[in-house]
Amino acid sequence: MDTAQWDGLCKQCGRCCLDKLEDGRGRIIYTGDSCRYLDIVTRRCKIFDRRFEINPLCMKLTPELVDTLPWLPRDCGYRPAAPRFTRKENRNRRKPE
């Protein structure tokens, strides 16, 4: 996957741009503060295409890094989709009498 395809996975929800704290139990708490480049109305990065060269604090997410970040939302576009389970019918199953 090239950079454009990888960046295309981002939903630009802005949650990773919010400042976060971790409490003693390991829970992530999102604060009201955000990166100065986050448009708080649209929740999109104003400099998304050039974010790494303009903002040295912006973390470059990689497939390897995504799995290690507990603060990254579960529905983040960079996270692989959760496996879907389907109910398997057992056609040979006997009905109780």
C-alpha atoms as a PDB file:
ATOM      1  CA  MET A   1       0.000   0.000   0.000  1.00  0.00           C
ATOM      2  CA  ASP A   2       1.471   3.366  -0.959  1.00  0.00           C
ATOM      3  CA  THR A   3       1.256   6.563   1.113  1.00  0.00           C
ATOM      4  CA  ALA A   4      -1.788   7.936  -0.717  1.00  0.00           C
ATOM      5  CA  GLN A   5      -3.711   4.687  -0.214  1.00  0.00           C
ATOM      6  CA  TRP A   6      -2.707   4.566   3.458  1.00  0.00           C
ATOM      7  CA  ASP A   7      -3.725   8.207   4.024  1.00  0.00           C
ATOM      8  CA  GLY A   8      -6.985   7.447   2.228  1.00  0.00           C
ATOM      9  CA  LEU A   9      -7.929   5.147   5.104  1.00  0.00           C
ATOM     10  CA  CYS A  10      -8.039   8.100   7.500  1.00  0.00           C
ATOM     11  CA  LYS A  11     -11.599   9.206   8.241  1.00  0.00           C
ATOM     12  CA  GLN A  12     -10.236  12.545   9.472  1.00  0.00           C
ATOM     13  CA  CYS A  13     -12.404  12.374  12.586  1.00  0.00           C
ATOM     14  CA  GLY A  14      -9.865  14.437  14.522  1.00  0.00           C
ATOM     15  CA  ARG A  15      -9.871  12.235  17.628  1.00  0.00           C
ATOM     16  CA  CYS A  16      -6.189  11.387  17.318  1.00  0.00           C
ATOM     17  CA  CYS A  17      -5.491  15.140  17.218  1.00  0.00           C
ATOM     18  CA  LEU A  18      -7.035  15.688  20.649  1.00  0.00           C
ATOM     19  CA  ASP A  19      -4.761  15.769  23.675  1.00  0.00           C
ATOM     20  CA  LYS A  20      -5.160  12.624  25.728  1.00  0.00           C
ATOM     21  CA  LEU A  21      -4.439  11.541  29.268  1.00  0.00           C
ATOM     22  CA  GLU A  22      -4.168   8.028  30.633  1.00  0.00           C
ATOM     23  CA  ASP A  23      -5.494   7.358  34.125  1.00  0.00           C
ATOM     24  CA  GLY A  24      -4.092   4.850  36.617  1.00  0.00           C
ATOM     25  CA  ARG A  25      -6.312   2.103  35.220  1.00  0.00           C
ATOM     26  CA  GLY A  26      -5.065   2.587  31.676  1.00  0.00           C
ATOM     27  CA  ARG A  27      -8.232   4.313  30.444  1.00  0.00           C
ATOM     28  CA  ILE A  28      -7.737   7.020  27.843  1.00  0.00           C
ATOM     29  CA  ILE A  29      -9.354  10.370  28.573  1.00  0.00           C
ATOM     30  CA  TYR A  30      -9.720  12.843  25.709  1.00  0.00           C
ATOM     31  CA  THR A  31      -9.285  16.465  26.742  1.00  0.00           C
ATOM     32  CA  GLY A  32     -10.875  19.472  25.109  1.00  0.00           C
ATOM     33  CA  ASP A  33      -7.492  20.626  23.806  1.00  0.00           C
ATOM     34  CA  SER A  34      -6.322  19.743  20.333  1.00  0.00           C
ATOM     35  CA  CYS A  35      -3.538  20.274  17.861  1.00  0.00           C
ATOM     36  CA  ARG A  36      -3.549  23.855  16.620  1.00  0.00           C
ATOM     37  CA  TYR A  37      -4.047  22.618  13.061  1.00  0.00           C
ATOM     38  CA  LEU A  38      -7.298  20.806  13.794  1.00  0.00           C
ATOM     39  CA  ASP A  39     -10.362  22.651  12.533  1.00  0.00           C
ATOM     40  CA  ILE A  40     -12.676  22.124  15.499  1.00  0.00           C
ATOM     41  CA  VAL A  41     -15.812  22.740  13.426  1.00  0.00           C
ATOM     42  CA  THR A  42     -15.140  20.227  10.645  1.00  0.00           C
ATOM     43  CA  ARG A  43     -12.872  18.055  12.856  1.00  0.00           C
ATOM     44  CA  ARG A  44     -10.391  17.832   9.991  1.00  0.00           C
ATOM     45  CA  CYS A  45      -6.714  18.642   9.868  1.00  0.00           C
ATOM     46  CA  LYS A  46      -6.105  21.941   8.083  1.00  0.00           C
ATOM     47  CA  ILE A  47      -2.702  20.757   6.878  1.00  0.00           C
ATOM     48  CA  PHE A  48      -3.374  17.031   6.388  1.00  0.00           C
ATOM     49  CA  ASP A  49      -1.316  16.650   3.199  1.00  0.00           C
ATOM     50  CA  ARG A  50       1.715  18.424   4.712  1.00  0.00           C
ATOM     51  CA  ARG A  51       1.191  17.622   8.399  1.00  0.00           C
ATOM     52  CA  PHE A  52       4.540  15.920   8.980  1.00  0.00           C
ATOM     53  CA  GLU A  53       6.642  18.686   7.488  1.00  0.00           C
ATOM     54  CA  ILE A  54       4.684  21.521   9.159  1.00  0.00           C
ATOM     55  CA  ASN A  55       4.020  19.924  12.548  1.00  0.00           C
ATOM     56  CA  PRO A  56       6.928  17.868  13.892  1.00  0.00           C
ATOM     57  CA  LEU A  57       4.708  16.675  16.778  1.00  0.00           C
ATOM     58  CA  CYS A  58       2.283  14.932  14.414  1.00  0.00           C
ATOM     59  CA  MET A  59       2.778  11.189  14.769  1.00  0.00           C
ATOM     60  CA  LYS A  60       3.133   9.224  11.568  1.00  0.00           C
ATOM     61  CA  LEU A  61       0.945   6.166  11.912  1.00  0.00           C
ATOM     62  CA  THR A  62       2.092   2.955  10.276  1.00  0.00           C
ATOM     63  CA  PRO A  63       0.370  -0.433  10.102  1.00  0.00           C
ATOM     64  CA  GLU A  64       2.858  -1.753  12.671  1.00  0.00           C
ATOM     65  CA  LEU A  65       2.347   1.186  15.032  1.00  0.00           C
ATOM     66  CA  VAL A  66      -1.460   1.220  14.857  1.00  0.00           C
ATOM     67  CA  ASP A  67      -1.775  -2.074  16.740  1.00  0.00           C
ATOM     68  CA  THR A  68       0.318  -0.753  19.634  1.00  0.00           C
ATOM     69  CA  LEU A  69      -1.572   2.494  20.305  1.00  0.00           C
ATOM     70  CA  PRO A  70      -4.251   2.086  22.971  1.00  0.00           C
ATOM     71  CA  TRP A  71      -5.492   5.655  22.452  1.00  0.00           C
ATOM     72  CA  LEU A  72      -6.362   5.179  18.808  1.00  0.00           C
ATOM     73  CA  PRO A  73     -10.155   4.803  18.535  1.00  0.00           C
ATOM     74  CA  ARG A  74     -11.422   1.309  17.710  1.00  0.00           C
ATOM     75  CA  ASP A  75     -13.272   2.581  14.656  1.00  0.00           C
ATOM     76  CA  CYS A  76     -10.240   4.425  13.306  1.00  0.00           C
ATOM     77  CA  GLY A  77      -9.866   3.971   9.555  1.00  0.00           C
ATOM     78  CA  TYR A  78      -6.269   2.880  10.034  1.00  0.00           C
ATOM     79  CA  ARG A  79      -7.292  -0.057  12.202  1.00  0.00           C
ATOM     80  CA  PRO A  80      -8.083  -3.271  10.365  1.00  0.00           C
ATOM     81  CA  ALA A  81     -11.756  -4.152  10.325  1.00  0.00           C
ATOM     82  CA  ALA A  82     -12.841  -6.490  13.097  1.00  0.00           C
ATOM     83  CA  PRO A  83     -13.664  -9.969  11.887  1.00  0.00           C
ATOM     84  CA  ARG A  84     -17.346 -10.535  11.332  1.00  0.00           C
ATOM     85  CA  PHE A  85     -18.879 -13.666  12.680  1.00  0.00           C
ATOM     86  CA  THR A  86     -21.845 -15.252  11.031  1.00  0.00           C
ATOM     87  CA  ARG A  87     -24.154 -17.845  12.400  1.00  0.00           C
ATOM     88  CA  LYS A  88     -23.599 -21.194  10.830  1.00  0.00           C
ATOM     89  CA  GLU A  89     -26.716 -23.259  10.364  1.00  0.00           C
ATOM     90  CA  ASN A  90     -26.528 -26.869  11.258  1.00  0.00           C
ATOM     91  CA  ARG A  91     -28.967 -28.517   8.872  1.00  0.00           C
ATOM     92  CA  ASN A  92     -28.407 -31.991  10.261  1.00  0.00           C
ATOM     93  CA  ARG A  93     -29.269 -30.992  13.785  1.00  0.00           C
ATOM     94  CA  ARG A  94     -32.159 -32.831  15.326  1.00  0.00           C
ATOM     95  CA  LYS A  95     -34.947 -30.847  16.877  1.00  0.00           C
ATOM     96  CA  PRO A  96     -35.766 -31.694  20.463  1.00  0.00           C
ATOM     97  CA  GLU A  97     -38.862 -33.856  20.801  1.00  0.00           C
END
